[in-house]
Amino acid sequence: MPSEDTLTGSPAAPAPTTTPALPADGGDRPRTGPARLARLLRPLAGRAPAPPAPAAALHNMSAATAVLLALVGIGTLIHEPVLIPPLAASAALVHSVPGLPLAQPRSLVAGHLLCAGLGYAALHLLGSSPWTAALAAGVSLAVMALARTPHSPAAATTVVVVLQSPAPARFLPLLAGSTLLLVLAGWAASRARRTAPRYPVYWW
């Protein structure tokens, strides 16, 4: 029997269609538990660079440890504390991030010597105190930037000079020799392993 629409000449209404429900946020996030958890935790991983290969990490650790032990040996022979905390931080820069401007010989050697000089100047003008050390360290960071010798561990050398008041006639030559040894050790280590980054990028 003809439908009412056919008799009246009206077109038949289209069949209703169903639209799949979307997530509340309109996205297409996976609904599985582990995948959703991984997606939620992904921002917490940060944007830090990937760790080095185990062989590279072992190479860097061995080179840095060897030069620091050499500084301890030299200090033992001459009965002077050659190894000071700032030099350990300098060694970490040279062997971990050898391409940074902070790790280059100009910044390492000149930065430490410049900051030692600023420490002696502050010691002479203001005396030895934590207040003087903090002030001198802040000034040394600005001076290094202006001198194009940025090397953050050298600011700690300023603190060592102000708080410990070492004799400059012995401390400065030892500091210069130690920083040069760090540079030479970095240069040698970068050529001992074929795939290691070349150090230094520039000397001066």
Protein backbone atom coordinates (compact mmCIF):
# COMPACT_ATOMS: atom_id res chain seq x y z
CA MET A 1 0.00 0.00 0.00
CA PRO A 2 1.51 3.42 -0.88
CA SER A 3 2.71 5.48 2.02
CA GLU A 4 1.15 8.75 2.98
CA ASP A 5 4.24 10.62 1.68
CA THR A 6 3.85 8.99 -1.70
CA LEU A 7 0.20 9.93 -1.91
CA THR A 8 0.81 13.54 -0.91
CA GLY A 9 3.92 13.91 -3.07
CA SER A 10 6.15 14.84 -0.10
CA PRO A 11 9.67 13.35 -0.07
CA ALA A 12 10.39 10.72 2.52
CA ALA A 13 12.36 11.93 5.58
CA PRO A 14 15.97 10.58 5.73
CA ALA A 15 16.73 7.93 8.27
CA PRO A 16 18.30 9.36 11.45
CA THR A 17 22.05 8.84 11.81
CA THR A 18 23.99 8.49 15.02
CA THR A 19 27.25 10.35 15.72
CA PRO A 20 29.86 8.61 17.89
CA ALA A 21 30.34 10.32 21.23
CA LEU A 22 33.57 12.30 21.61
CA PRO A 23 35.58 12.67 24.76
CA ALA A 24 34.63 15.55 27.01
CA ASP A 25 37.65 17.62 25.90
CA GLY A 26 36.94 17.00 22.20
CA GLY A 27 40.25 15.19 21.69
CA ASP A 28 41.08 11.69 20.71
CA ARG A 29 42.94 10.57 23.81
CA PRO A 30 43.33 6.84 24.25
CA ARG A 31 41.00 5.34 26.78
CA THR A 32 43.31 2.53 27.88
CA GLY A 33 44.77 2.94 31.36
CA PRO A 34 48.56 2.59 30.72
CA ALA A 35 48.50 4.71 27.55
CA ARG A 36 46.49 7.44 29.24
CA LEU A 37 48.82 7.41 32.25
CA ALA A 38 51.88 7.68 29.99
CA ARG A 39 50.30 10.63 28.20
CA LEU A 40 49.59 12.39 31.49
CA LEU A 41 53.09 11.80 32.84
CA ARG A 42 54.90 12.84 29.63
CA PRO A 43 55.17 16.55 30.60
CA LEU A 44 56.87 15.57 33.86
CA ALA A 45 59.80 14.09 31.94
CA GLY A 46 61.02 17.61 31.14
CA ARG A 47 63.12 18.71 28.18
CA ALA A 48 66.55 17.78 29.50
CA PRO A 49 68.89 16.26 26.90
CA ALA A 50 69.24 12.52 26.67
CA PRO A 51 71.99 10.99 28.82
CA PRO A 52 75.28 10.11 27.12
CA ALA A 53 76.09 6.61 26.04
CA PRO A 54 77.57 4.46 28.83
CA ALA A 55 80.97 4.41 27.11
CA ALA A 56 81.02 8.20 26.86
CA ALA A 57 79.97 8.61 30.50
CA LEU A 58 82.70 6.21 31.61
CA HIS A 59 85.27 8.07 29.51
CA ASN A 60 84.28 11.45 30.97
CA MET A 61 84.27 10.13 34.52
CA SER A 62 87.68 8.50 34.13
CA ALA A 63 89.28 11.61 32.64
CA ALA A 64 87.85 13.97 35.27
CA THR A 65 88.77 11.65 38.14
CA ALA A 66 92.32 11.22 36.83
CA VAL A 67 93.03 14.96 36.65
CA LEU A 68 91.51 15.59 40.09
CA LEU A 69 93.62 12.80 41.59
CA ALA A 70 96.65 14.36 39.91
CA LEU A 71 95.89 17.66 41.63
CA VAL A 72 95.63 15.87 44.97
CA GLY A 73 98.99 14.18 44.31
CA ILE A 74 100.66 17.48 43.47
CA GLY A 75 99.24 19.06 46.60
CA THR A 76 100.52 16.16 48.70
CA LEU A 77 104.01 16.51 47.26
CA ILE A 78 104.27 20.24 47.89
CA HIS A 79 102.21 20.22 51.10
CA GLU A 80 99.69 22.69 49.71
CA PRO A 81 95.94 22.21 49.09
CA VAL A 82 96.03 22.45 45.30
CA LEU A 83 92.61 20.87 44.86
CA ILE A 84 89.93 23.38 45.81
CA PRO A 85 86.18 22.89 45.21
CA PRO A 86 86.01 25.35 42.27
CA LEU A 87 88.51 23.27 40.30
CA ALA A 88 86.35 20.16 40.70
CA ALA A 89 83.44 22.11 39.23
CA SER A 90 85.69 23.31 36.39
CA ALA A 91 86.69 19.73 35.62
CA ALA A 92 83.02 18.76 35.45
CA LEU A 93 82.40 21.45 32.82
CA VAL A 94 85.42 20.51 30.72
CA HIS A 95 84.60 16.80 30.61
CA SER A 96 80.80 16.93 30.57
CA VAL A 97 79.99 19.92 28.33
CA PRO A 98 83.25 20.69 26.48
CA GLY A 99 81.50 22.77 23.83
CA LEU A 100 80.16 25.44 26.18
CA PRO A 101 81.89 28.84 26.31
CA LEU A 102 82.20 28.36 30.09
CA ALA A 103 84.48 25.37 29.53
CA GLN A 104 86.93 26.95 27.07
CA PRO A 105 90.53 27.70 28.14
CA ARG A 106 90.08 31.47 28.01
CA SER A 107 87.19 31.33 30.45
CA LEU A 108 88.66 28.63 32.66
CA VAL A 109 92.16 30.00 33.19
CA ALA A 110 91.48 33.73 32.97
CA GLY A 111 88.23 33.41 34.89
CA HIS A 112 89.86 31.77 37.90
CA LEU A 113 92.79 34.19 37.96
CA LEU A 114 90.53 37.22 37.54
CA CYS A 115 88.25 36.09 40.35
CA ALA A 116 91.21 35.36 42.60
CA GLY A 117 92.42 38.90 42.03
CA LEU A 118 88.97 40.28 42.85
CA GLY A 119 88.94 38.17 46.00
CA TYR A 120 92.26 39.62 47.17
CA ALA A 121 91.03 43.13 46.40
CA ALA A 122 87.85 42.58 48.44
CA LEU A 123 89.87 41.01 51.24
CA HIS A 124 92.15 44.05 51.38
CA LEU A 125 89.32 46.59 51.30
CA LEU A 126 86.63 44.93 53.42
CA GLY A 127 88.31 42.13 55.35
CA SER A 128 87.45 38.45 55.61
CA SER A 129 83.78 37.76 56.29
CA PRO A 130 80.89 35.89 54.69
CA TRP A 131 79.35 39.25 53.75
CA THR A 132 82.48 40.27 51.88
CA ALA A 133 82.66 36.86 50.18
CA ALA A 134 79.06 37.09 48.98
CA LEU A 135 79.54 40.64 47.67
CA ALA A 136 82.81 39.79 45.93
CA ALA A 137 81.35 36.67 44.31
CA GLY A 138 78.46 38.68 42.86
CA VAL A 139 80.83 41.33 41.52
CA SER A 140 83.10 38.67 40.03
CA LEU A 141 80.25 37.26 37.94
CA ALA A 142 79.62 40.67 36.40
CA VAL A 143 83.33 41.30 35.79
CA MET A 144 83.78 37.93 34.10
CA ALA A 145 80.87 38.67 31.79
CA LEU A 146 82.37 42.03 30.83
CA ALA A 147 85.80 40.45 30.32
CA ARG A 148 84.30 37.72 28.08
CA THR A 149 85.58 35.02 30.42
CA PRO A 150 82.37 33.50 31.83
CA HIS A 151 83.18 30.61 34.16
CA SER A 152 80.76 30.16 37.04
CA PRO A 153 83.04 27.94 39.21
CA ALA A 154 85.55 30.82 39.31
CA ALA A 155 83.14 32.84 41.45
CA ALA A 156 83.73 30.22 44.14
CA THR A 157 87.47 30.93 43.89
CA THR A 158 86.66 34.47 45.00
CA VAL A 159 84.88 33.04 48.04
CA VAL A 160 87.85 30.77 48.85
CA VAL A 161 90.26 33.70 48.75
CA VAL A 162 88.09 35.94 50.94
CA LEU A 163 87.31 33.29 53.56
CA GLN A 164 90.66 31.47 53.71
CA SER A 165 93.09 34.32 52.94
CA PRO A 166 95.73 32.16 51.20
CA ALA A 167 99.15 33.68 50.58
CA PRO A 168 98.96 35.11 47.03
CA ALA A 169 102.62 34.32 46.25
CA ARG A 170 101.83 30.61 46.54
CA PHE A 171 98.13 30.47 45.74
CA LEU A 172 98.13 32.29 42.40
CA PRO A 173 100.92 30.23 40.73
CA LEU A 174 99.28 27.02 41.96
CA LEU A 175 95.91 28.17 40.68
CA ALA A 176 97.33 29.05 37.28
CA GLY A 177 99.13 25.72 36.99
CA SER A 178 96.06 23.77 38.09
CA THR A 179 93.78 25.44 35.57
CA LEU A 180 96.30 24.81 32.79
CA LEU A 181 96.44 21.16 33.84
CA LEU A 182 92.65 20.94 33.58
CA VAL A 183 92.79 22.36 30.06
CA LEU A 184 95.54 19.97 28.96
CA ALA A 185 93.69 17.01 30.47
CA GLY A 186 90.54 18.00 28.61
CA TRP A 187 92.49 18.34 25.37
CA ALA A 188 94.10 14.91 25.80
CA ALA A 189 90.86 13.20 26.80
CA SER A 190 89.04 14.57 23.76
CA ARG A 191 91.61 12.91 21.51
CA ALA A 192 91.91 9.65 23.38
CA ARG A 193 88.44 8.58 22.20
CA ARG A 194 87.66 8.94 18.51
CA THR A 195 83.99 9.84 18.95
CA ALA A 196 84.51 12.29 21.83
CA PRO A 197 83.72 15.97 21.17
CA ARG A 198 86.84 17.97 20.37
CA TYR A 199 88.12 20.24 23.11
CA PRO A 200 88.73 23.10 23.14
CA VAL A 201 86.45 24.77 20.64
CA TYR A 202 88.76 27.79 20.83
CA TRP A 203 91.80 28.65 22.94
CA TRP A 204 91.37 32.39 23.25
